[in-house]
Each structure stands twice: as C-alpha cells, then as structure tokens.
Amino acid sequence: DMALEDMVRLTIRVTLALMHTNEGLYLEIARNWHRLPVHRVADVLEQHVMETGRRYFLRHLHAYPVPDLQVRLFVTFNSVIFTLVRFISQEQPALTEDEVVEGLTRMVTGYLQA
C-alpha cells in the first residue's frame, strides 16, 4: 500500500502527464479554460478523484481519520487543478514542474492530515 504523500504526488504527476498529452490539446484548453465550457470535464475528473480518495481513506481509516473528507477532497482537488492549469499555461514558468508537484504534495498532504 502507498503512503498518503506518495499517493498525492503520483496523482498530481498523472494529472500533469494527462495535461501534456493529446498533441497539445489539453495545453490549449488550459490556456483558454476561461472561454470554454469545461465544467463537464472538470465534474467528471472531480468525481473520479473524489471516489479514488474515498476508497483510499476507507482502506486507511485508522492511519488517516478525516472527519470532513468530502470538504477536504473538494478543496484540494480544485486547488490542485487550478494551480496545474495556471502552471502549464505559462510560456515561461518561474517554477519547475518538480517544484510545483512537491509544493502541492506538501500542501495537500498537510491539509488532509490536519
């Protein structure tokens, strides 16, 4: 079984990898998200992350008791997605991908364990 921090890091890296696929389509969507009806895509992705998170925390209930899991998953999902969209849409980002992934991993892990 994977530790929470490793699971969070892997999820963020997989999401970033997805954003870089499909011959730049997702990158273009990220750059123009404010003009597009992306709520349906975000809703599907959010539902998948929420379900995966629920399963993970049910399996690790004693190690990570989270009383308001729905709230924390919603807040972390939307925070991570917005940050990743902003990051990949920058032509010359001030941070590296590793710095963003590690920063988000620490933020999400800390919040979920608080």
N, C-alpha and C. Protein backbone atom coordinates (compact mmCIF):
# COMPACT_ATOMS: atom_id res chain seq x y z
N ASP A 1 0.83 -1.20 0.00
CA ASP A 1 0.00 0.00 0.00
C ASP A 1 0.87 1.26 0.00
N MET A 2 0.39 2.28 -0.61
CA MET A 2 1.12 3.52 -0.78
C MET A 2 0.83 4.50 0.35
N ALA A 3 1.86 5.19 0.80
CA ALA A 3 1.69 6.23 1.82
C ALA A 3 0.91 7.40 1.20
N LEU A 4 0.24 8.16 2.05
CA LEU A 4 -0.57 9.28 1.58
C LEU A 4 0.24 10.25 0.72
N GLU A 5 1.41 10.64 1.18
CA GLU A 5 2.23 11.60 0.43
C GLU A 5 2.58 11.04 -0.96
N ASP A 6 2.91 9.77 -1.03
CA ASP A 6 3.24 9.15 -2.32
C ASP A 6 2.01 9.09 -3.23
N MET A 7 0.85 8.80 -2.66
CA MET A 7 -0.38 8.75 -3.45
C MET A 7 -0.72 10.13 -4.00
N VAL A 8 -0.58 11.15 -3.18
CA VAL A 8 -0.86 12.52 -3.62
C VAL A 8 0.11 12.91 -4.74
N ARG A 9 1.39 12.66 -4.54
CA ARG A 9 2.40 13.00 -5.54
C ARG A 9 2.12 12.29 -6.87
N LEU A 10 1.81 11.00 -6.79
CA LEU A 10 1.51 10.23 -8.00
C LEU A 10 0.28 10.78 -8.73
N THR A 11 -0.75 11.11 -7.98
CA THR A 11 -1.97 11.65 -8.57
C THR A 11 -1.69 12.97 -9.29
N ILE A 12 -0.89 13.83 -8.67
CA ILE A 12 -0.55 15.12 -9.30
C ILE A 12 0.28 14.89 -10.56
N ARG A 13 1.25 13.99 -10.50
CA ARG A 13 2.09 13.70 -11.68
C ARG A 13 1.26 13.10 -12.83
N VAL A 14 0.34 12.20 -12.51
CA VAL A 14 -0.52 11.60 -13.54
C VAL A 14 -1.40 12.69 -14.17
N THR A 15 -1.94 13.58 -13.35
CA THR A 15 -2.77 14.67 -13.87
C THR A 15 -1.95 15.56 -14.79
N LEU A 16 -0.72 15.90 -14.39
CA LEU A 16 0.15 16.70 -15.25
C LEU A 16 0.47 15.98 -16.56
N ALA A 17 0.74 14.70 -16.47
CA ALA A 17 1.03 13.92 -17.68
C ALA A 17 -0.16 13.93 -18.63
N LEU A 18 -1.36 13.79 -18.07
CA LEU A 18 -2.57 13.86 -18.87
C LEU A 18 -2.69 15.21 -19.56
N MET A 19 -2.38 16.28 -18.83
CA MET A 19 -2.48 17.63 -19.40
C MET A 19 -1.49 17.85 -20.54
N HIS A 20 -0.41 17.09 -20.56
CA HIS A 20 0.60 17.24 -21.61
C HIS A 20 0.35 16.34 -22.82
N THR A 21 -0.67 15.48 -22.77
CA THR A 21 -0.93 14.53 -23.85
C THR A 21 -1.84 15.11 -24.91
N ASN A 22 -2.14 14.28 -25.89
CA ASN A 22 -3.09 14.59 -26.96
C ASN A 22 -2.62 15.75 -27.84
N GLU A 23 -1.34 15.72 -28.19
CA GLU A 23 -0.75 16.67 -29.14
C GLU A 23 -1.04 18.13 -28.79
N GLY A 24 -0.97 18.44 -27.52
CA GLY A 24 -1.13 19.83 -27.09
C GLY A 24 -2.55 20.30 -26.89
N LEU A 25 -3.53 19.41 -27.12
CA LEU A 25 -4.93 19.81 -26.98
C LEU A 25 -5.24 20.28 -25.56
N TYR A 26 -4.81 19.50 -24.56
CA TYR A 26 -5.12 19.85 -23.18
C TYR A 26 -4.39 21.12 -22.75
N LEU A 27 -3.21 21.31 -23.28
CA LEU A 27 -2.47 22.55 -23.00
C LEU A 27 -3.23 23.74 -23.56
N GLU A 28 -3.76 23.61 -24.76
CA GLU A 28 -4.53 24.70 -25.37
C GLU A 28 -5.82 24.94 -24.58
N ILE A 29 -6.45 23.87 -24.14
CA ILE A 29 -7.65 24.03 -23.30
C ILE A 29 -7.29 24.74 -22.01
N ALA A 30 -6.16 24.37 -21.40
CA ALA A 30 -5.73 25.01 -20.15
C ALA A 30 -5.49 26.50 -20.36
N ARG A 31 -4.90 26.84 -21.49
CA ARG A 31 -4.62 28.25 -21.77
C ARG A 31 -5.89 29.06 -22.01
N ASN A 32 -6.95 28.41 -22.44
CA ASN A 32 -8.19 29.11 -22.78
C ASN A 32 -9.38 28.64 -21.96
N TRP A 33 -9.13 28.05 -20.79
CA TRP A 33 -10.19 27.45 -20.00
C TRP A 33 -11.30 28.42 -19.65
N HIS A 34 -10.94 29.69 -19.46
CA HIS A 34 -11.95 30.69 -19.05
C HIS A 34 -12.96 30.98 -20.16
N ARG A 35 -12.66 30.58 -21.40
CA ARG A 35 -13.56 30.82 -22.53
C ARG A 35 -14.36 29.58 -22.92
N LEU A 36 -14.06 28.45 -22.32
CA LEU A 36 -14.65 27.18 -22.74
C LEU A 36 -15.59 26.61 -21.68
N PRO A 37 -16.58 25.83 -22.13
CA PRO A 37 -17.48 25.16 -21.17
C PRO A 37 -16.83 23.89 -20.64
N VAL A 38 -15.83 24.05 -19.77
CA VAL A 38 -15.07 22.91 -19.28
C VAL A 38 -15.66 22.29 -18.01
N HIS A 39 -16.74 22.84 -17.52
CA HIS A 39 -17.29 22.35 -16.26
C HIS A 39 -17.65 20.87 -16.31
N ARG A 40 -18.12 20.36 -17.46
CA ARG A 40 -18.47 18.94 -17.55
C ARG A 40 -17.24 18.06 -17.41
N VAL A 41 -16.15 18.44 -18.05
CA VAL A 41 -14.90 17.68 -17.94
C VAL A 41 -14.39 17.74 -16.51
N ALA A 42 -14.40 18.93 -15.92
CA ALA A 42 -13.95 19.09 -14.55
C ALA A 42 -14.81 18.27 -13.59
N ASP A 43 -16.11 18.23 -13.84
CA ASP A 43 -17.01 17.47 -12.97
C ASP A 43 -16.69 15.97 -13.02
N VAL A 44 -16.42 15.45 -14.20
CA VAL A 44 -16.09 14.03 -14.34
C VAL A 44 -14.77 13.72 -13.65
N LEU A 45 -13.77 14.56 -13.88
CA LEU A 45 -12.46 14.36 -13.25
C LEU A 45 -12.58 14.49 -11.73
N GLU A 46 -13.34 15.48 -11.27
CA GLU A 46 -13.54 15.66 -9.83
C GLU A 46 -14.21 14.44 -9.22
N GLN A 47 -15.22 13.91 -9.89
CA GLN A 47 -15.91 12.72 -9.37
C GLN A 47 -14.96 11.54 -9.26
N HIS A 48 -14.10 11.37 -10.25
CA HIS A 48 -13.12 10.28 -10.23
C HIS A 48 -12.15 10.45 -9.05
N VAL A 49 -11.64 11.66 -8.86
CA VAL A 49 -10.70 11.92 -7.76
C VAL A 49 -11.40 11.74 -6.41
N MET A 50 -12.63 12.20 -6.30
CA MET A 50 -13.37 12.07 -5.04
C MET A 50 -13.58 10.59 -4.70
N GLU A 51 -13.95 9.79 -5.70
CA GLU A 51 -14.18 8.37 -5.47
C GLU A 51 -12.87 7.65 -5.12
N THR A 52 -11.80 7.96 -5.81
CA THR A 52 -10.50 7.38 -5.51
C THR A 52 -10.06 7.77 -4.10
N GLY A 53 -10.25 9.03 -3.74
CA GLY A 53 -9.90 9.49 -2.40
C GLY A 53 -10.71 8.79 -1.32
N ARG A 54 -12.00 8.64 -1.55
CA ARG A 54 -12.85 7.95 -0.57
C ARG A 54 -12.37 6.51 -0.36
N ARG A 55 -12.08 5.83 -1.47
CA ARG A 55 -11.59 4.44 -1.35
C ARG A 55 -10.27 4.38 -0.58
N TYR A 56 -9.36 5.28 -0.89
CA TYR A 56 -8.06 5.29 -0.22
C TYR A 56 -8.24 5.50 1.28
N PHE A 57 -9.04 6.49 1.65
CA PHE A 57 -9.22 6.79 3.07
C PHE A 57 -10.03 5.73 3.80
N LEU A 58 -10.91 5.04 3.12
CA LEU A 58 -11.60 3.92 3.76
C LEU A 58 -10.62 2.79 4.08
N ARG A 59 -9.69 2.53 3.17
CA ARG A 59 -8.68 1.49 3.41
C ARG A 59 -7.70 1.88 4.50
N HIS A 60 -7.50 3.18 4.71
CA HIS A 60 -6.51 3.67 5.67
C HIS A 60 -7.18 4.49 6.78
N LEU A 61 -8.36 4.06 7.16
CA LEU A 61 -9.18 4.79 8.13
C LEU A 61 -8.46 5.05 9.45
N HIS A 62 -7.72 4.08 9.94
CA HIS A 62 -7.05 4.23 11.24
C HIS A 62 -5.82 5.13 11.15
N ALA A 63 -5.13 5.07 10.04
CA ALA A 63 -3.92 5.90 9.86
C ALA A 63 -4.28 7.35 9.57
N TYR A 64 -5.37 7.57 8.82
CA TYR A 64 -5.75 8.93 8.41
C TYR A 64 -7.24 9.15 8.65
N PRO A 65 -7.64 9.35 9.90
CA PRO A 65 -9.06 9.63 10.16
C PRO A 65 -9.40 11.08 9.75
N VAL A 66 -10.21 11.23 8.73
CA VAL A 66 -10.57 12.55 8.22
C VAL A 66 -12.08 12.72 8.37
N PRO A 67 -12.53 13.50 9.37
CA PRO A 67 -13.97 13.61 9.62
C PRO A 67 -14.74 14.33 8.51
N ASP A 68 -14.12 15.29 7.85
CA ASP A 68 -14.80 16.07 6.80
C ASP A 68 -14.17 15.79 5.44
N LEU A 69 -14.09 14.53 5.10
CA LEU A 69 -13.37 14.09 3.90
C LEU A 69 -13.91 14.74 2.63
N GLN A 70 -15.22 14.81 2.46
CA GLN A 70 -15.80 15.42 1.26
C GLN A 70 -15.31 16.85 1.07
N VAL A 71 -15.29 17.61 2.15
CA VAL A 71 -14.85 19.01 2.08
C VAL A 71 -13.38 19.07 1.69
N ARG A 72 -12.56 18.27 2.34
CA ARG A 72 -11.12 18.31 2.07
C ARG A 72 -10.78 17.84 0.66
N LEU A 73 -11.46 16.81 0.18
CA LEU A 73 -11.22 16.35 -1.18
C LEU A 73 -11.65 17.40 -2.21
N PHE A 74 -12.79 18.03 -1.98
CA PHE A 74 -13.27 19.07 -2.89
C PHE A 74 -12.28 20.24 -2.93
N VAL A 75 -11.86 20.72 -1.78
CA VAL A 75 -10.95 21.86 -1.71
C VAL A 75 -9.60 21.53 -2.34
N THR A 76 -9.06 20.36 -2.02
CA THR A 76 -7.75 20.01 -2.57
C THR A 76 -7.82 19.77 -4.07
N PHE A 77 -8.84 19.08 -4.55
CA PHE A 77 -8.97 18.84 -5.99
C PHE A 77 -8.98 20.17 -6.75
N ASN A 78 -9.85 21.06 -6.34
CA ASN A 78 -9.99 22.32 -7.07
C ASN A 78 -8.75 23.21 -6.94
N SER A 79 -8.09 23.17 -5.80
CA SER A 79 -6.85 23.93 -5.63
C SER A 79 -5.75 23.38 -6.53
N VAL A 80 -5.62 22.08 -6.58
CA VAL A 80 -4.58 21.46 -7.41
C VAL A 80 -4.86 21.71 -8.89
N ILE A 81 -6.09 21.49 -9.33
CA ILE A 81 -6.42 21.68 -10.75
C ILE A 81 -6.15 23.12 -11.17
N PHE A 82 -6.60 24.09 -10.39
CA PHE A 82 -6.37 25.49 -10.76
C PHE A 82 -4.88 25.78 -10.84
N THR A 83 -4.11 25.31 -9.86
CA THR A 83 -2.66 25.55 -9.86
C THR A 83 -2.01 24.90 -11.08
N LEU A 84 -2.37 23.66 -11.40
CA LEU A 84 -1.77 22.99 -12.55
C LEU A 84 -2.14 23.66 -13.86
N VAL A 85 -3.39 24.08 -13.99
CA VAL A 85 -3.80 24.79 -15.20
C VAL A 85 -3.00 26.08 -15.35
N ARG A 86 -2.87 26.82 -14.28
CA ARG A 86 -2.07 28.06 -14.33
C ARG A 86 -0.62 27.76 -14.68
N PHE A 87 -0.07 26.70 -14.09
CA PHE A 87 1.33 26.36 -14.33
C PHE A 87 1.57 25.98 -15.79
N ILE A 88 0.77 25.05 -16.32
CA ILE A 88 1.05 24.59 -17.68
C ILE A 88 0.68 25.63 -18.75
N SER A 89 -0.13 26.60 -18.39
CA SER A 89 -0.50 27.62 -19.37
C SER A 89 0.54 28.74 -19.47
N GLN A 90 1.51 28.76 -18.57
CA GLN A 90 2.56 29.78 -18.62
C GLN A 90 3.63 29.38 -19.63
N GLU A 91 3.98 30.31 -20.50
CA GLU A 91 5.00 30.01 -21.51
C GLU A 91 6.38 29.84 -20.89
N GLN A 92 6.70 30.66 -19.89
CA GLN A 92 7.98 30.55 -19.18
C GLN A 92 7.71 30.60 -17.69
N PRO A 93 7.34 29.46 -17.12
CA PRO A 93 7.00 29.44 -15.69
C PRO A 93 8.21 29.77 -14.82
N ALA A 94 7.95 30.43 -13.71
CA ALA A 94 9.01 30.80 -12.76
C ALA A 94 9.46 29.60 -11.93
N LEU A 95 8.65 28.56 -11.89
CA LEU A 95 8.96 27.36 -11.12
C LEU A 95 9.13 26.17 -12.05
N THR A 96 9.84 25.15 -11.58
CA THR A 96 9.94 23.91 -12.34
C THR A 96 8.73 23.04 -12.03
N GLU A 97 8.50 22.05 -12.87
CA GLU A 97 7.40 21.12 -12.63
C GLU A 97 7.59 20.39 -11.30
N ASP A 98 8.83 19.99 -11.01
CA ASP A 98 9.11 19.30 -9.74
C ASP A 98 8.79 20.19 -8.55
N GLU A 99 9.11 21.48 -8.63
CA GLU A 99 8.82 22.40 -7.52
C GLU A 99 7.32 22.52 -7.30
N VAL A 100 6.56 22.60 -8.38
CA VAL A 100 5.10 22.71 -8.27
C VAL A 100 4.53 21.42 -7.69
N VAL A 101 4.98 20.28 -8.20
CA VAL A 101 4.48 18.99 -7.70
C VAL A 101 4.79 18.83 -6.22
N GLU A 102 6.01 19.13 -5.82
CA GLU A 102 6.37 18.98 -4.40
C GLU A 102 5.62 19.97 -3.52
N GLY A 103 5.47 21.20 -3.97
CA GLY A 103 4.71 22.18 -3.20
C GLY A 103 3.26 21.76 -3.01
N LEU A 104 2.63 21.31 -4.09
CA LEU A 104 1.25 20.84 -3.99
C LEU A 104 1.15 19.58 -3.13
N THR A 105 2.12 18.69 -3.25
CA THR A 105 2.12 17.46 -2.44
C THR A 105 2.18 17.80 -0.96
N ARG A 106 3.06 18.70 -0.59
CA ARG A 106 3.14 19.09 0.83
C ARG A 106 1.86 19.77 1.29
N MET A 107 1.30 20.65 0.47
CA MET A 107 0.09 21.36 0.83
C MET A 107 -1.09 20.39 1.02
N VAL A 108 -1.30 19.51 0.05
CA VAL A 108 -2.42 18.59 0.11
C VAL A 108 -2.26 17.59 1.25
N THR A 109 -1.08 17.01 1.36
CA THR A 109 -0.82 16.04 2.44
C THR A 109 -1.03 16.68 3.81
N GLY A 110 -0.48 17.88 3.99
CA GLY A 110 -0.65 18.57 5.27
C GLY A 110 -2.11 18.85 5.58
N TYR A 111 -2.86 19.29 4.60
CA TYR A 111 -4.27 19.61 4.80
C TYR A 111 -5.08 18.34 5.11
N LEU A 112 -4.80 17.27 4.39
CA LEU A 112 -5.55 16.04 4.60
C LEU A 112 -5.23 15.39 5.95
N GLN A 113 -4.02 15.67 6.49
CA GLN A 113 -3.63 15.09 7.77
C GLN A 113 -3.93 16.01 8.94
N ALA A 114 -4.35 17.23 8.67
CA ALA A 114 -4.59 18.20 9.76
C ALA A 114 -5.81 17.84 10.59
